[in-house]
Amino acid sequence: MTNAFDRRTVLKAAAAFGVLGANARQGFAAASAMKLGPAVPFSFDGLKAVAQRMAGEPYAGPARPAPDIVTKINYEAWGKIKFDMNHALFADGPGRFPVSFFHLGRFFQKAIEMHVVDAGSARQIVYDQNYFEMPEDSIAKKLPQGAGFAGLRVQEARDGALDWRKNDWVAFLGADYFRSIGELHQYGLSARAVALDVAAAGKPEEFPDFTKFYIDQAETRDSLTIYALLEGPSIVGACRFVLTRGKSVIMDIDQTLFLRAGIARFGLAPLTSMYWFSETEKETGIDWRPEVHDSDGLALWMGNGERAWRPLNNAPRILTSSFADENPRGFGLLQRDRAFDHYQDGVYYDRRPSLWVEPKNAWGKGAVQLVEIPTDDEIHDNIVAMWVPEKPAVAGSSFELSYRLTWAADEPYPTDLARCIATRLGNGGQPGRPRPKGVRKFMVEFKGPPLESLPFGVKPEAVLWASRGTFSYIYTEAVPNDVPGHWRAQFDLTVAGADPVEMRLYLRAGDKTLSETWLYQYHPF
C-alpha cells in the first residue's frame, strides 16, 4: 500500500498548485475556447453498458503518453505548472461551478479523458498546453497535442462569496481517489470508488483508475453531476457523483460494478485517512506536537441501532478489525477533537473534515472493516475503513451500490447518547506506590445530555468487557472542570502476552443506557 499512500504528499500539494480547465458560455458552442472532439451520445445507462462490455474484454487501462517526458516532470517541475483559470470549464457559464484540470507529471503519469456533457451528448476536451502557465524551459512544453489530463477539481461558485479562481471544494486526482474540503474548508482524508484486496493475505492491493470523466453542464442551483468510468485489471464500473455544495459537502453516489476477476477483500465505499498519534498514546520525543491525525476514530451506526466509537491506533503491524452487521445505517472516519491547542501547528488538523457514509439502498450482510497500518510520519495514509459484503466477489459477478457521503465537521446524525471524546492510557496501579508490571490504566471520557441530566448523587456505571485479561480499580467520576455532562470511566487492565485485547465499554444508570459503546483494541507491550 506504500506507493499509493505516498501519493498523499502530492495530493497535499495539489490543493495549492495550479490546474487546468475550459470555457463554456452557451452549450458546446461556449466551449469553443477549448479544443473539443466530436459529439457522441451519452447517458449513465450507456456508460453502464460500456462497463459491462469492457468487463468481458482484456484489461487495457489508461494511456501513458510520452513517458520519457512525463517522468521528468518531477515534484518541483509539476508545482511550477500553473492553471490559467481563464480556460476553466464553465468560467462564464452555463454551469455555476467552474471545473479545472490537473497536469500530468511523474506522480500522475496516466492520461485521463475529460468530457463535457450537454443534452445527451458528450464531447472530449482535448489537452492543449495553452491551458497552463509554465516556465519557458518546462519539459512539459514538449508533450504532444492531446496528451491528456491527470485529474480535475471543482471550483467554488462563480456567484459565491469566495473567489472561485482561488478556491476549490472537490478534487479527483490519482487512481480512484477523491476528496472534499467539507464544512471547515480544509482538505484531509480521502474517499475512493473501491478498495481491492487491502491487506489481503498473499495478494497485492489493486488500485483501479478513473479513466474517463463526463462533466454535465446541466447543473441545479447548488449541485454538479460528474460521471466516471472506473477500470482496473479485476474490475470495471460506472459511477455517478451528484456533488452538492452547502454548509457541508454532500456526494450522492451510484455505482454499478462488474468483476473481471475474484477479489479476496472487496471494499465498498472506502475511506482513507491518516492517524499517527494522539493523546491516547505517544512515544517520548516522537514529535513536538501533542497530536497528529486527520481522523481520530471510526464511528458506527449499526443496523440494530447501536452506536459505537472505535478510537484509531497506529498499530504495531498491519491489523484488520471487522464489525459484522446487516444493512448498516452508516459509518465514518471522524475528527472529533477540534481544539487547535491539541495540535499546535499551521496545517489545520483541527479543521480536517469528518466523512460519513450513509447507505441509500439495502446493503445486506457484511462488515465494516477497519485496516490500521503502522506509520512513522504524517505523510502516509495508514487507515482504511470500508464495507465488505458477505456476498463473494467472484469473477463475473456484479454489484449495485447507492450511498451518500457527507463531508462535515461532525457526523450528520449525531446520537442522543453521550459520546466518547477522549481515550487516555498510562501505567496501572496507584500514584505514589510501585506500579505493577503488565497492568495498564485507561481513562475514557464521555460527554453528552444523558450525563447532564443525572440526578444528584447518581453515578453512571461502567459496563466493561474484554476478550482476555482482568479489570480492577473500576470507577466513574465527573471530570473536575465544571463542564456539565463530562464524565470519565477509569479502570486498570491486567493482561499477559502480546496478543491484542478487544474491549467494550459503555455507561448506564440502572437499565438506561447513557453512552455510545466505546470499542478499543489494546496492544500490550
Protein backbone atom coordinates (compact mmCIF):
# COMPACT_ATOMS: atom_id res chain seq x y z
CA MET A 1 0.00 0.00 0.00
CA THR A 2 3.00 2.27 0.37
CA ASN A 3 3.14 3.56 -3.19
CA ALA A 4 -0.50 4.61 -3.14
CA PHE A 5 -0.34 6.21 0.26
CA ASP A 6 2.85 8.09 -0.58
CA ARG A 7 0.64 9.81 -3.12
CA ARG A 8 -0.58 11.81 -0.12
CA THR A 9 2.36 14.22 -0.44
CA VAL A 10 1.31 15.13 -3.96
CA LEU A 11 -2.37 15.33 -3.01
CA LYS A 12 -1.50 17.95 -0.40
CA ALA A 13 0.42 19.95 -2.98
CA ALA A 14 -2.41 19.68 -5.48
CA ALA A 15 -4.58 21.87 -3.29
CA ALA A 16 -2.10 24.70 -3.69
CA PHE A 17 -0.82 24.27 -7.24
CA GLY A 18 -2.50 25.43 -10.45
CA VAL A 19 -4.83 23.29 -12.52
CA LEU A 20 -6.38 23.26 -15.97
CA GLY A 21 -9.85 23.95 -17.26
CA ALA A 22 -12.13 25.03 -20.10
CA ASN A 23 -14.53 27.79 -21.07
CA ALA A 24 -18.26 27.45 -21.73
CA ARG A 25 -20.88 30.10 -22.45
CA GLN A 26 -23.86 28.54 -24.19
CA GLY A 27 -23.77 24.77 -24.68
CA PHE A 28 -20.94 23.27 -26.69
CA ALA A 29 -20.57 26.44 -28.67
CA ALA A 30 -19.46 28.17 -25.49
CA ALA A 31 -16.71 25.59 -25.00
CA SER A 32 -15.04 26.71 -28.20
CA ALA A 33 -12.27 28.28 -26.10
CA MET A 34 -11.20 24.69 -25.54
CA LYS A 35 -10.46 22.13 -28.19
CA LEU A 36 -13.32 19.60 -28.26
CA GLY A 37 -13.78 16.30 -30.02
CA PRO A 38 -16.91 15.34 -31.97
CA ALA A 39 -20.24 14.97 -30.15
CA VAL A 40 -21.30 11.42 -29.28
CA PRO A 41 -24.43 10.17 -27.49
CA PHE A 42 -24.05 9.86 -23.72
CA SER A 43 -26.16 8.58 -20.80
CA PHE A 44 -25.49 6.88 -17.48
CA ASP A 45 -27.23 3.73 -18.73
CA GLY A 46 -24.97 3.84 -21.77
CA LEU A 47 -21.90 4.14 -19.53
CA LYS A 48 -23.07 1.10 -17.55
CA ALA A 49 -23.40 -0.85 -20.78
CA VAL A 50 -19.88 0.14 -21.79
CA ALA A 51 -18.56 -1.00 -18.39
CA GLN A 52 -20.34 -4.35 -18.69
CA ARG A 53 -18.93 -4.91 -22.17
CA MET A 54 -15.40 -3.96 -21.09
CA ALA A 55 -15.56 -6.40 -18.16
CA GLY A 56 -15.53 -9.21 -20.70
CA GLU A 57 -12.51 -7.83 -22.54
CA PRO A 58 -8.79 -7.84 -21.63
CA TYR A 59 -7.64 -5.00 -19.41
CA ALA A 60 -6.01 -2.12 -21.27
CA GLY A 61 -6.05 0.76 -18.80
CA PRO A 62 -5.39 4.45 -19.38
CA ALA A 63 -2.70 5.63 -21.79
CA ARG A 64 0.72 6.76 -20.55
CA PRO A 65 1.69 9.40 -23.11
CA ALA A 66 5.32 10.39 -23.74
CA PRO A 67 6.73 8.62 -20.66
CA ASP A 68 10.21 9.96 -21.39
CA ILE A 69 8.82 13.46 -20.92
CA VAL A 70 6.21 12.90 -18.20
CA THR A 71 8.65 11.14 -15.87
CA LYS A 72 10.86 14.24 -15.96
CA ILE A 73 8.04 16.44 -14.66
CA ASN A 74 9.12 15.90 -11.06
CA TYR A 75 7.56 17.31 -7.91
CA GLU A 76 9.25 20.68 -8.30
CA ALA A 77 8.55 21.00 -12.04
CA TRP A 78 4.93 19.92 -11.57
CA GLY A 79 4.45 22.60 -8.92
CA LYS A 80 5.53 25.31 -11.37
CA ILE A 81 2.83 24.39 -13.89
CA LYS A 82 0.02 26.79 -13.05
CA PHE A 83 -3.51 26.56 -14.34
CA ASP A 84 -4.85 29.50 -16.32
CA MET A 85 -8.30 29.97 -14.83
CA ASN A 86 -9.41 31.90 -17.90
CA HIS A 87 -9.79 28.47 -19.51
CA ALA A 88 -11.85 26.90 -16.72
CA LEU A 89 -14.82 24.90 -17.90
CA PHE A 90 -17.94 26.97 -17.12
CA ALA A 91 -15.82 30.03 -16.28
CA ASP A 92 -18.54 32.11 -17.97
CA GLY A 93 -21.39 29.62 -17.50
CA PRO A 94 -23.72 27.97 -18.01
CA GLY A 95 -22.56 25.90 -15.05
CA ARG A 96 -22.30 27.67 -11.70
CA PHE A 97 -19.21 25.72 -10.58
CA PRO A 98 -16.19 26.08 -12.90
CA VAL A 99 -14.08 22.95 -13.37
CA SER A 100 -10.29 22.87 -13.74
CA PHE A 101 -7.85 20.07 -14.54
CA PHE A 102 -4.57 18.73 -13.16
CA HIS A 103 -1.50 18.37 -15.37
CA LEU A 104 0.35 15.12 -15.95
CA GLY A 105 3.62 14.53 -14.09
CA ARG A 106 5.91 11.93 -12.60
CA PHE A 107 3.44 11.12 -9.81
CA PHE A 108 0.43 11.14 -12.15
CA GLN A 109 1.50 9.57 -15.43
CA LYS A 110 -1.82 8.12 -16.59
CA ALA A 111 -3.80 10.24 -19.05
CA ILE A 112 -7.45 10.56 -18.01
CA GLU A 113 -10.05 11.54 -20.61
CA MET A 114 -12.25 14.54 -19.80
CA HIS A 115 -15.61 15.14 -21.50
CA VAL A 116 -18.28 17.81 -21.24
CA VAL A 117 -21.91 16.66 -21.42
CA ASP A 118 -24.84 18.65 -22.79
CA ALA A 119 -28.37 17.40 -23.51
CA GLY A 120 -27.47 13.75 -24.01
CA SER A 121 -24.24 14.30 -25.94
CA ALA A 122 -20.61 14.33 -24.84
CA ARG A 123 -17.50 15.87 -26.38
CA GLN A 124 -13.96 15.14 -25.28
CA ILE A 125 -11.85 18.04 -24.01
CA VAL A 126 -8.54 17.90 -25.87
CA TYR A 127 -5.38 18.74 -23.93
CA ASP A 128 -3.52 21.85 -25.03
CA GLN A 129 -0.52 23.27 -23.17
CA ASN A 130 -2.01 26.75 -23.67
CA TYR A 131 -4.44 25.91 -20.86
CA PHE A 132 -1.46 26.12 -18.49
CA GLU A 133 1.07 28.68 -17.41
CA MET A 134 4.52 27.13 -17.18
CA PRO A 135 8.14 28.26 -17.33
CA GLU A 136 9.59 28.66 -20.81
CA ASP A 137 12.07 25.88 -20.15
CA SER A 138 9.47 23.46 -18.71
CA ILE A 139 9.86 19.94 -20.05
CA ALA A 140 6.04 19.82 -20.18
CA LYS A 141 6.12 22.04 -23.28
CA LYS A 142 7.38 19.00 -25.21
CA LEU A 143 4.21 16.99 -24.56
CA PRO A 144 2.20 16.22 -27.73
CA GLN A 145 -1.17 17.77 -28.51
CA GLY A 146 -3.98 15.85 -26.82
CA ALA A 147 -1.72 14.21 -24.22
CA GLY A 148 -4.48 14.22 -21.62
CA PHE A 149 -5.00 15.27 -18.01
CA ALA A 150 -4.26 13.78 -14.60
CA GLY A 151 -7.48 14.76 -12.80
CA LEU A 152 -9.95 17.53 -12.10
CA ARG A 153 -11.22 19.77 -9.38
CA VAL A 154 -14.41 21.74 -8.88
CA GLN A 155 -14.06 25.44 -8.07
CA GLU A 156 -16.37 27.41 -5.80
CA ALA A 157 -19.45 29.03 -7.31
CA ARG A 158 -18.88 31.95 -9.66
CA ASP A 159 -21.52 33.98 -7.81
CA GLY A 160 -20.43 32.96 -4.31
CA ALA A 161 -18.68 34.84 -1.53
CA LEU A 162 -15.31 33.19 -2.25
CA ASP A 163 -13.11 33.91 -5.25
CA TRP A 164 -13.72 30.82 -7.38
CA ARG A 165 -10.38 31.25 -9.14
CA LYS A 166 -8.55 30.68 -5.85
CA ASN A 167 -10.83 28.22 -4.09
CA ASP A 168 -11.96 24.67 -4.93
CA TRP A 169 -14.13 22.27 -2.96
CA VAL A 170 -13.77 18.85 -4.64
CA ALA A 171 -10.78 17.16 -6.29
CA PHE A 172 -10.38 13.89 -8.21
CA LEU A 173 -6.70 13.00 -8.55
CA GLY A 174 -4.81 9.71 -8.62
CA ALA A 175 -6.28 6.24 -9.26
CA ASP A 176 -9.86 6.23 -7.89
CA TYR A 177 -9.25 8.76 -5.10
CA PHE A 178 -11.33 11.88 -4.48
CA ARG A 179 -11.81 14.32 -1.61
CA SER A 180 -13.51 17.49 -0.45
CA ILE A 181 -12.82 20.42 1.87
CA GLY A 182 -16.09 19.82 3.71
CA GLU A 183 -17.69 22.22 6.14
CA LEU A 184 -14.46 23.65 7.57
CA HIS A 185 -12.76 24.47 4.24
CA GLN A 186 -9.79 22.16 4.72
CA TYR A 187 -8.70 19.08 2.80
CA GLY A 188 -7.86 16.00 4.85
CA LEU A 189 -8.88 12.38 4.39
CA SER A 190 -9.88 10.90 1.03
CA ALA A 191 -12.58 8.61 -0.35
CA ARG A 192 -12.17 6.00 -3.07
CA ALA A 193 -14.52 4.32 -5.52
CA VAL A 194 -13.48 0.84 -4.36
CA ALA A 195 -10.68 -0.77 -2.35
CA LEU A 196 -9.45 -4.09 -3.71
CA ASP A 197 -7.55 -6.55 -1.53
CA VAL A 198 -6.39 -4.08 1.10
CA ALA A 199 -4.05 -6.01 3.42
CA ALA A 200 -5.30 -9.31 1.97
CA ALA A 201 -3.03 -12.23 2.78
CA GLY A 202 -0.95 -13.30 -0.19
CA LYS A 203 -2.42 -10.77 -2.62
CA PRO A 204 -1.14 -7.32 -3.59
CA GLU A 205 -3.56 -4.43 -3.34
CA GLU A 206 -5.01 -3.33 -6.68
CA PHE A 207 -5.60 0.35 -7.48
CA PRO A 208 -8.10 0.80 -10.33
CA ASP A 209 -8.32 4.14 -12.11
CA PHE A 210 -10.99 6.56 -13.12
CA THR A 211 -10.16 6.53 -16.83
CA LYS A 212 -12.88 8.84 -18.16
CA PHE A 213 -14.84 11.69 -16.61
CA TYR A 214 -18.04 13.21 -18.00
CA ILE A 215 -18.94 16.63 -16.57
CA ASP A 216 -22.58 17.57 -17.00
CA GLN A 217 -23.18 21.27 -17.53
CA ALA A 218 -26.88 20.92 -16.66
CA GLU A 219 -26.47 21.94 -13.01
CA THR A 220 -29.06 22.64 -10.39
CA ARG A 221 -28.53 25.67 -8.17
CA ASP A 222 -26.12 24.00 -5.73
CA SER A 223 -25.13 20.77 -7.47
CA LEU A 224 -22.88 19.46 -10.21
CA THR A 225 -23.08 15.95 -11.70
CA ILE A 226 -19.98 14.06 -12.79
CA TYR A 227 -19.91 10.58 -14.30
CA ALA A 228 -16.83 8.36 -14.30
CA LEU A 229 -15.66 5.13 -15.87
CA LEU A 230 -13.66 3.00 -13.44
CA GLU A 231 -11.26 0.37 -14.69
CA GLY A 232 -8.65 -1.98 -13.28
CA PRO A 233 -7.33 -5.46 -14.01
CA SER A 234 -10.07 -7.01 -11.84
CA ILE A 235 -12.96 -4.54 -12.19
CA VAL A 236 -14.88 -2.18 -14.46
CA GLY A 237 -17.53 0.18 -13.19
CA ALA A 238 -19.78 3.12 -13.97
CA CYS A 239 -20.11 5.81 -11.30
CA ARG A 240 -22.31 8.88 -10.91
CA PHE A 241 -21.45 11.65 -8.46
CA VAL A 242 -24.00 14.35 -7.65
CA LEU A 243 -21.92 16.94 -5.79
CA THR A 244 -23.86 19.42 -3.66
CA ARG A 245 -22.24 22.48 -2.13
CA GLY A 246 -23.89 23.64 1.06
CA LYS A 247 -22.57 24.23 4.56
CA SER A 248 -21.35 20.65 4.30
CA VAL A 249 -20.44 18.91 1.05
CA ILE A 250 -22.80 16.12 0.03
CA MET A 251 -21.95 13.48 -2.58
CA ASP A 252 -24.74 11.18 -3.75
CA ILE A 253 -23.02 8.25 -5.42
CA ASP A 254 -24.41 5.48 -7.60
CA GLN A 255 -22.17 2.64 -8.76
CA THR A 256 -22.57 -0.38 -11.00
CA LEU A 257 -19.51 -2.63 -10.69
CA PHE A 258 -18.55 -5.65 -12.82
CA LEU A 259 -15.79 -8.01 -11.72
CA ARG A 260 -13.28 -9.37 -14.21
CA ALA A 261 -11.60 -11.46 -11.51
CA GLY A 262 -12.24 -12.56 -7.96
CA ILE A 263 -11.43 -10.21 -5.07
CA ALA A 264 -10.44 -11.60 -1.66
CA ARG A 265 -11.32 -8.40 0.24
CA PHE A 266 -13.85 -6.32 -1.71
CA GLY A 267 -14.06 -2.91 -0.05
CA LEU A 268 -17.03 -0.68 -0.93
CA ALA A 269 -17.45 3.00 -0.01
CA PRO A 270 -13.85 3.03 1.30
CA LEU A 271 -12.41 5.93 3.29
CA THR A 272 -8.67 6.53 3.60
CA SER A 273 -7.10 8.63 6.35
CA MET A 274 -4.00 9.25 8.46
CA TYR A 275 -3.50 8.61 12.16
CA TRP A 276 -0.02 8.97 13.62
CA PHE A 277 -0.54 9.70 17.33
CA SER A 278 -2.90 11.46 19.75
CA GLU A 279 -3.42 11.93 23.49
CA THR A 280 -4.17 8.20 23.72
CA GLU A 281 -0.55 7.11 23.33
CA LYS A 282 2.59 8.91 22.15
CA GLU A 283 6.20 7.80 22.11
CA THR A 284 8.50 10.10 24.06
CA GLY A 285 10.10 12.70 21.83
CA ILE A 286 8.49 11.46 18.61
CA ASP A 287 7.34 14.96 17.61
CA TRP A 288 6.93 18.36 19.19
CA ARG A 289 3.16 18.46 18.60
CA PRO A 290 0.67 16.93 21.04
CA GLU A 291 -1.35 15.16 18.28
CA VAL A 292 -1.08 14.49 14.54
CA HIS A 293 -4.02 12.89 12.71
CA ASP A 294 -6.64 13.55 10.05
CA SER A 295 -9.15 11.35 11.88
CA ASP A 296 -9.22 10.12 15.46
CA GLY A 297 -11.88 7.42 15.32
CA LEU A 298 -14.33 5.21 13.47
CA ALA A 299 -17.99 5.87 14.24
CA LEU A 300 -20.54 3.09 13.65
CA TRP A 301 -24.32 3.19 13.45
CA MET A 302 -25.26 -0.45 13.30
CA GLY A 303 -28.31 -1.92 11.61
CA ASN A 304 -29.74 -2.77 15.05
CA GLY A 305 -29.43 0.87 16.12
CA GLU A 306 -26.33 0.53 18.33
CA ARG A 307 -23.93 3.49 18.21
CA ALA A 308 -20.23 2.77 18.69
CA TRP A 309 -16.93 4.63 18.66
CA ARG A 310 -13.59 2.97 17.94
CA PRO A 311 -10.53 5.19 18.57
CA LEU A 312 -7.84 4.67 15.94
CA ASN A 313 -4.45 3.08 16.57
CA ASN A 314 -1.04 3.42 14.99
CA ALA A 315 -0.82 -0.35 15.00
CA PRO A 316 2.45 -2.25 15.60
CA ARG A 317 1.73 -4.24 12.43
CA ILE A 318 -0.97 -4.32 9.76
CA LEU A 319 -4.19 -5.30 11.52
CA THR A 320 -7.79 -5.59 10.38
CA SER A 321 -10.80 -5.25 12.67
CA SER A 322 -14.18 -6.45 11.43
CA PHE A 323 -17.55 -5.25 12.72
CA ALA A 324 -20.24 -7.60 11.40
CA ASP A 325 -23.57 -6.03 10.51
CA GLU A 326 -26.64 -6.24 8.31
CA ASN A 327 -27.97 -3.20 6.47
CA PRO A 328 -25.82 -0.69 8.38
CA ARG A 329 -27.24 2.76 8.88
CA GLY A 330 -23.86 4.42 8.46
CA PHE A 331 -20.21 4.62 9.39
CA GLY A 332 -17.48 7.20 9.14
CA LEU A 333 -13.97 8.32 9.96
CA LEU A 334 -14.35 11.39 12.15
CA GLN A 335 -12.17 14.12 13.56
CA ARG A 336 -13.86 14.76 16.91
CA ASP A 337 -11.02 16.70 18.53
CA ARG A 338 -11.41 20.27 17.25
CA ALA A 339 -9.17 22.14 19.73
CA PHE A 340 -6.27 23.90 18.00
CA ASP A 341 -4.04 23.73 21.08
CA HIS A 342 -4.22 19.94 20.88
CA TYR A 343 -2.27 20.13 17.58
CA GLN A 344 -0.31 23.39 17.78
CA ASP A 345 0.69 23.69 14.13
CA GLY A 346 -0.32 25.53 10.98
CA VAL A 347 -1.64 22.70 8.83
CA TYR A 348 -5.07 22.82 10.50
CA TYR A 349 -5.59 19.29 11.75
CA ASP A 350 -8.32 20.79 13.92
CA ARG A 351 -10.24 21.64 10.71
CA ARG A 352 -9.89 18.34 8.86
CA PRO A 353 -13.27 17.08 7.64
CA SER A 354 -15.16 14.17 9.10
CA LEU A 355 -16.55 11.82 6.45
CA TRP A 356 -19.76 9.85 6.89
CA VAL A 357 -21.07 7.02 4.69
CA GLU A 358 -24.86 6.63 4.53
CA PRO A 359 -26.27 3.67 2.54
CA LYS A 360 -29.24 4.61 0.36
CA ASN A 361 -30.19 1.04 -0.52
CA ALA A 362 -30.10 -2.22 1.42
CA TRP A 363 -26.50 -3.46 1.65
CA GLY A 364 -27.43 -6.80 3.22
CA LYS A 365 -24.99 -8.77 5.35
CA GLY A 366 -21.32 -7.93 5.63
CA ALA A 367 -18.97 -5.99 7.86
CA VAL A 368 -17.41 -2.60 8.29
CA GLN A 369 -13.71 -3.39 8.24
CA LEU A 370 -11.01 -1.15 9.65
CA VAL A 371 -7.43 -1.62 8.44
CA GLU A 372 -4.69 0.02 10.53
CA ILE A 373 -1.15 0.18 9.17
CA PRO A 374 1.98 1.25 11.07
CA THR A 375 3.37 4.67 10.18
CA ASP A 376 6.25 6.79 11.44
CA ASP A 377 5.23 10.03 9.78
CA GLU A 378 2.20 12.08 8.80
CA ILE A 379 2.88 11.83 5.04
CA HIS A 380 1.48 8.29 4.85
CA ASP A 381 -2.22 7.48 4.83
CA ASN A 382 -2.41 4.41 7.05
CA ILE A 383 -6.11 3.99 7.86
CA VAL A 384 -8.80 2.41 5.67
CA ALA A 385 -12.47 1.94 6.63
CA MET A 386 -14.82 0.18 4.20
CA TRP A 387 -17.88 -2.02 3.83
CA VAL A 388 -17.07 -5.61 2.83
CA PRO A 389 -20.19 -7.51 1.68
CA GLU A 390 -20.78 -11.09 2.69
CA LYS A 391 -21.61 -11.92 -0.95
CA PRO A 392 -18.47 -13.38 -2.54
CA ALA A 393 -16.75 -11.09 -5.02
CA VAL A 394 -16.13 -13.65 -7.78
CA ALA A 395 -15.31 -13.17 -11.43
CA GLY A 396 -18.41 -12.41 -13.47
CA SER A 397 -20.41 -11.04 -10.53
CA SER A 398 -21.81 -7.51 -10.35
CA PHE A 399 -22.72 -5.10 -7.57
CA GLU A 400 -25.14 -2.15 -7.44
CA LEU A 401 -24.41 0.40 -4.77
CA SER A 402 -26.07 3.67 -3.80
CA TYR A 403 -24.86 5.80 -0.92
CA ARG A 404 -24.26 9.33 0.32
CA LEU A 405 -21.02 10.83 1.56
CA THR A 406 -21.21 13.81 3.92
CA TRP A 407 -18.04 15.87 4.39
CA ALA A 408 -18.68 17.91 7.52
CA ALA A 409 -17.33 18.89 10.92
CA ASP A 410 -19.27 16.09 12.60
CA GLU A 411 -21.39 13.09 11.69
CA PRO A 412 -24.70 14.19 10.11
CA TYR A 413 -26.88 12.15 12.52
CA PRO A 414 -25.25 12.51 15.94
CA THR A 415 -26.52 10.21 18.65
CA ASP A 416 -28.62 11.43 21.57
CA LEU A 417 -26.36 9.40 23.85
CA ALA A 418 -23.21 10.72 25.48
CA ARG A 419 -20.25 10.41 23.13
CA CYS A 420 -16.68 9.37 23.76
CA ILE A 421 -14.42 12.41 23.46
CA ALA A 422 -11.05 11.10 24.68
CA THR A 423 -9.17 7.89 25.42
CA ARG A 424 -6.05 8.03 27.57
CA LEU A 425 -3.65 5.25 28.58
CA GLY A 426 -0.99 5.10 31.26
CA ASN A 427 0.69 2.85 33.77
CA GLY A 428 -1.69 0.97 36.03
CA GLY A 429 -1.78 0.95 39.77
CA GLN A 430 -2.00 3.83 42.23
CA PRO A 431 0.09 7.02 42.09
CA GLY A 432 2.74 7.15 44.82
CA ARG A 433 3.02 3.37 45.01
CA PRO A 434 5.12 0.92 42.96
CA ARG A 435 3.46 0.33 39.61
CA PRO A 436 2.71 -3.34 38.88
CA LYS A 437 4.00 -4.83 35.64
CA GLY A 438 1.54 -5.93 33.00
CA VAL A 439 -1.13 -3.51 34.21
CA ARG A 440 -2.45 -0.67 32.07
CA LYS A 441 -4.70 2.17 33.20
CA PHE A 442 -7.44 3.53 30.95
CA MET A 443 -9.26 6.85 31.22
CA VAL A 444 -12.22 7.06 28.83
CA GLU A 445 -14.10 10.36 28.72
CA PHE A 446 -17.75 10.80 27.75
CA LYS A 447 -19.84 13.91 27.35
CA GLY A 448 -23.50 14.47 26.47
CA PRO A 449 -27.05 15.26 27.62
CA PRO A 450 -27.80 11.93 29.36
CA LEU A 451 -24.90 12.61 31.72
CA GLU A 452 -26.02 16.21 32.30
CA SER A 453 -29.44 15.08 33.48
CA LEU A 454 -28.27 12.52 36.05
CA PRO A 455 -29.94 13.10 39.45
CA PHE A 456 -27.68 14.45 42.17
CA GLY A 457 -25.70 11.69 43.80
CA VAL A 458 -26.20 9.20 40.95
CA LYS A 459 -23.02 7.92 39.34
CA PRO A 460 -23.08 6.12 35.98
CA GLU A 461 -21.95 2.53 35.94
CA ALA A 462 -19.11 1.46 33.64
CA VAL A 463 -20.12 -1.73 31.82
CA LEU A 464 -16.91 -3.42 30.65
CA TRP A 465 -15.92 -6.44 28.56
CA ALA A 466 -12.55 -7.70 27.31
CA SER A 467 -11.55 -10.60 25.09
CA ARG A 468 -8.95 -11.53 27.72
CA GLY A 469 -7.40 -10.17 30.91
CA THR A 470 -8.97 -8.89 34.13
CA PHE A 471 -10.26 -5.48 35.24
CA SER A 472 -9.64 -3.71 38.53
CA TYR A 473 -9.95 -0.20 40.08
CA ILE A 474 -13.16 0.43 38.11
CA TYR A 475 -14.96 3.65 38.89
CA THR A 476 -16.54 6.70 37.26
CA GLU A 477 -16.36 10.36 38.18
CA ALA A 478 -17.37 13.74 36.84
CA VAL A 479 -14.37 15.42 35.29
CA PRO A 480 -13.46 18.28 37.67
CA ASN A 481 -13.68 21.05 35.08
CA ASP A 482 -17.22 22.37 35.75
CA VAL A 483 -18.37 21.21 32.28
CA PRO A 484 -21.90 19.76 32.56
CA GLY A 485 -22.23 16.13 31.50
CA HIS A 486 -18.46 15.48 31.24
CA TRP A 487 -17.63 12.17 32.94
CA ARG A 488 -14.84 9.66 32.73
CA ALA A 489 -14.57 5.96 33.39
CA GLN A 490 -11.29 4.75 34.88
CA PHE A 491 -10.10 1.16 35.11
CA ASP A 492 -6.97 -0.98 35.10
CA LEU A 493 -6.47 -3.95 32.77
CA THR A 494 -4.12 -6.77 33.74
CA VAL A 495 -3.11 -8.95 30.82
CA ALA A 496 -0.24 -11.27 29.89
CA GLY A 497 1.22 -11.83 26.45
CA ALA A 498 1.45 -9.56 23.41
CA ASP A 499 -1.71 -10.51 21.52
CA PRO A 500 -4.23 -7.66 21.01
CA VAL A 501 -7.07 -7.29 23.50
CA GLU A 502 -10.53 -6.28 22.27
CA MET A 503 -12.54 -4.20 24.73
CA ARG A 504 -16.02 -2.72 25.03
CA LEU A 505 -17.34 -0.11 27.46
CA TYR A 506 -20.49 1.90 27.88
CA LEU A 507 -22.12 3.86 30.70
CA ARG A 508 -25.54 3.11 32.17
CA ALA A 509 -27.71 4.04 35.12
CA GLY A 510 -29.99 1.22 36.17
CA ASP A 511 -31.40 -0.23 32.95
CA LYS A 512 -30.88 3.01 30.97
CA THR A 513 -28.00 3.24 28.50
CA LEU A 514 -26.30 6.64 28.80
CA SER A 515 -23.49 6.49 26.24
CA GLU A 516 -22.45 5.09 22.92
CA THR A 517 -20.29 1.96 23.05
CA TRP A 518 -16.54 2.53 23.26
CA LEU A 519 -14.61 -0.12 21.34
CA TYR A 520 -10.86 -0.42 21.62
CA GLN A 521 -8.05 -2.69 20.50
CA TYR A 522 -5.26 -2.63 23.07
CA HIS A 523 -1.77 -3.80 22.14
CA PRO A 524 0.19 -4.91 25.24
CA PHE A 525 3.91 -4.21 25.31
